[in-house]
C-alpha atoms as a PDB file:
ATOM      1  CA  MET A   1      -0.080   0.110   0.449  1.00  0.00           C
ATOM      2  CA  MET A   2       1.408   3.092  -0.900  1.00  0.00           C
ATOM      3  CA  THR A   3       1.025   6.232   1.226  1.00  0.00           C
ATOM      4  CA  THR A   4       1.587  10.126   0.142  1.00  0.00           C
ATOM      5  CA  THR A   5       3.202  12.141   2.436  1.00  0.00           C
ATOM      6  CA  LYS A   6       1.663  16.325   1.991  1.00  0.00           C
ATOM      7  CA  PRO A   7       4.454  18.485   1.600  1.00  0.00           C
ATOM      8  CA  VAL A   8       5.139  21.182   4.619  1.00  0.00           C
ATOM      9  CA  VAL A   9       4.098  24.876   2.900  1.00  0.00           C
ATOM     10  CA  LYS A  10       5.687  27.288   4.246  1.00  0.00           C
ATOM     11  CA  CYS A  11       3.718  31.003   4.497  1.00  0.00           C
ATOM     12  CA  SER A  12       4.753  34.019   6.554  1.00  0.00           C
ATOM     13  CA  VAL A  13       1.060  35.469   5.968  1.00  0.00           C
ATOM     14  CA  ALA A  14       0.094  35.837   9.865  1.00  0.00           C
ATOM     15  CA  ASN A  15      -3.217  36.691   9.545  1.00  0.00           C
ATOM     16  CA  CYS A  16      -3.935  33.959   6.892  1.00  0.00           C
ATOM     17  CA  SER A  17      -6.662  31.592   8.753  1.00  0.00           C
ATOM     18  CA  TYR A  18      -4.615  28.338   7.528  1.00  0.00           C
ATOM     19  CA  TRP A  19      -1.186  29.682   9.305  1.00  0.00           C
ATOM     20  CA  ALA A  20       0.264  27.586  11.784  1.00  0.00           C
ATOM     21  CA  ALA A  21       3.072  28.084  14.285  1.00  0.00           C
ATOM     22  CA  GLY A  22       6.633  27.798  12.560  1.00  0.00           C
ATOM     23  CA  ASN A  23       5.097  29.728   9.392  1.00  0.00           C
ATOM     24  CA  LYS A  24       3.126  26.573   8.293  1.00  0.00           C
ATOM     25  CA  CYS A  25       0.086  26.341   5.938  1.00  0.00           C
ATOM     26  CA  GLN A  26      -2.511  23.883   7.523  1.00  0.00           C
ATOM     27  CA  ALA A  27      -4.824  24.671   4.582  1.00  0.00           C
ATOM     28  CA  GLN A  28      -6.239  20.902   2.625  1.00  0.00           C
ATOM     29  CA  SER A  29      -5.101  21.961  -0.443  1.00  0.00           C
ATOM     30  CA  ILE A  30      -3.154  24.839  -2.086  1.00  0.00           C
ATOM     31  CA  ILE A  31      -3.937  26.693  -4.752  1.00  0.00           C
ATOM     32  CA  ILE A  32      -1.267  28.951  -6.784  1.00  0.00           C
ATOM     33  CA  ASP A  33      -1.906  30.720  -9.860  1.00  0.00           C
ATOM     34  CA  VAL A  34       0.033  33.088 -12.561  1.00  0.00           C
ATOM     35  CA  ASP A  35      -0.170  37.364 -11.275  1.00  0.00           C
ATOM     36  CA  ALA A  36      -1.762  37.963 -14.240  1.00  0.00           C
ATOM     37  CA  ASN A  37      -4.871  35.652 -12.596  1.00  0.00           C
ATOM     38  CA  ALA A  38      -4.189  37.221  -9.183  1.00  0.00           C
ATOM     39  CA  GLN A  39      -8.474  38.477  -9.100  1.00  0.00           C
ATOM     40  CA  ALA A  40      -9.693  35.107 -10.725  1.00  0.00           C
ATOM     41  CA  GLN A  41     -12.023  34.022  -7.574  1.00  0.00           C
ATOM     42  CA  TYR A  42     -11.057  30.728  -6.693  1.00  0.00           C
ATOM     43  CA  ASP A  43     -12.521  28.760  -3.262  1.00  0.00           C
ATOM     44  CA  ALA A  44     -10.082  26.790  -1.705  1.00  0.00           C
ATOM     45  CA  GLU A  45     -13.248  24.082  -0.589  1.00  0.00           C
ATOM     46  CA  PHE A  46     -13.573  23.869  -4.905  1.00  0.00           C
ATOM     47  CA  ALA A  47      -9.780  23.274  -5.569  1.00  0.00           C
ATOM     48  CA  ALA A  48     -10.353  20.300  -7.528  1.00  0.00           C
ATOM     49  CA  ASP A  49     -12.184  22.412 -10.210  1.00  0.00           C
ATOM     50  CA  PHE A  50      -9.146  24.415 -10.628  1.00  0.00           C
ATOM     51  CA  GLY A  51      -7.230  21.265 -12.180  1.00  0.00           C
ATOM     52  CA  SER A  52      -9.484  21.593 -15.156  1.00  0.00           C
ATOM     53  CA  LYS A  53      -8.199  25.083 -16.139  1.00  0.00           C
ATOM     54  CA  SER A  54      -5.121  24.858 -18.678  1.00  0.00           C
ATOM     55  CA  PRO A  55      -1.695  25.442 -16.835  1.00  0.00           C
ATOM     56  CA  GLU A  56       0.005  28.420 -17.273  1.00  0.00           C
ATOM     57  CA  SER A  57       3.852  28.764 -17.327  1.00  0.00           C
ATOM     58  CA  ALA A  58       5.522  31.063 -14.914  1.00  0.00           C
ATOM     59  CA  PRO A  59       9.236  32.641 -15.304  1.00  0.00           C
ATOM     60  CA  THR A  60       9.753  33.153 -11.278  1.00  0.00           C
ATOM     61  CA  SER A  61       8.227  32.843  -8.175  1.00  0.00           C
ATOM     62  CA  SER A  62       7.511  36.811  -8.000  1.00  0.00           C
ATOM     63  CA  VAL A  63       4.982  36.498 -10.333  1.00  0.00           C
ATOM     64  CA  THR A  64       2.619  34.308  -8.606  1.00  0.00           C
ATOM     65  CA  CYS A  65       0.443  34.338  -5.820  1.00  0.00           C
ATOM     66  CA  CYS A  66      -1.620  31.922  -3.755  1.00  0.00           C
ATOM     67  CA  HIS A  67      -5.211  31.553  -4.154  1.00  0.00           C
ATOM     68  CA  THR A  68      -5.451  29.707  -0.971  1.00  0.00           C
ATOM     69  CA  PHE A  69      -5.142  32.479   1.487  1.00  0.00           C
ATOM     70  CA  LYS A  70      -8.267  33.322   3.689  1.00  0.00           C
ATOM     71  CA  PRO A  71      -7.616  35.912   6.454  1.00  0.00           C
ATOM     72  CA  LYS A  72      -8.236  34.927  10.162  1.00  0.00           C
ATOM     73  CA  ALA A  73     -11.665  35.421  11.795  1.00  0.00           C
ATOM     74  CA  GLY A  74     -12.233  39.528  11.830  1.00  0.00           C
ATOM     75  CA  GLU A  75      -9.626  40.894   9.605  1.00  0.00           C
ATOM     76  CA  SER A  76     -10.762  41.910   6.232  1.00  0.00           C
ATOM     77  CA  LYS A  77      -8.945  40.552   3.321  1.00  0.00           C
END
């Protein structure tokens, strides 16, 4: 039986509801896109639907963004 382990995702956005001690992301799935799609409205619960979109290339990490971010309760996005 094959077991899969989730990668450790580091994040320094402390006001994200998925942020945990040690700068670790605790989200069940992560949605990352190119900055050109920064205004796209992805819902983290429907991350599987994200895979149906054609993948895009990013020349560097600085032109990518995390769509999984959700502010902690009481904070605005």
